[in-house]
């Protein structure tokens, strides 16, 4: 009998594969914020029809990873400094509220399931598997916030995770940042065994800030470099 993973693989459509490949390009830094995705180049690369290329781009636009500008086309989402601050204000509010609504201590089965995801995450960090790091990281956090038992709040958490996709990838290739993230994940699991929702909520908020700060640092460096560049 075909196992579930193989069955799911068979059900995948070309646009899903294309979208996943573009996401990988962003994770590995092959596509930068603001960079355009030209349909002709994607047609040549993937060999599918324009229909599937456009479906893939639409899929990524709905997640907030790409933006579409009329008469220009699709591009990797880029943020200004004020936009980063505003979006992360919202992310912090959403995730804090989700953490505060988790019934502590969490059920043993839930903790065991989240701990298993964390082991997968740690293995990906050790192997330098950037795609796996991203996937396991999302699974880990969504599994925790699902414990708030509010599907609408969880959907908002996921929406803003996707919206900040480009920002969240900036530390994936930084071993020190990944190790710090791994340790914070372990602390979150310990908090799930306790009774202090405020401590859990604060940890979840603090966990967001390294990516935000690094992305803002890059934006400020770019602005400073432009300011130093002599007018042509």
Foldseek 3Di string as FASTA:
>chain_A
DDDPVVVVVVPDDLLVVLLLVVLVCLLVVVAAAPAADDLVVSCVVSVDDSVSVVVNQVVLVQLQQWPQDPPRGIGGHDDALVRLVVLLVVLLVLLLVLLLLAAPLDDPVLLVVLVVLLVQLVVCLVVLPRSSVVVSVVVNSLSNSVNSVDVVSSVVNSSSCSSCSSLVSPCSNPSVLSVVLSVLSVVLSVVSHGGDSNVNSVSVSVNPPVSSVVSSVVNVVVVVVVVPDDDD
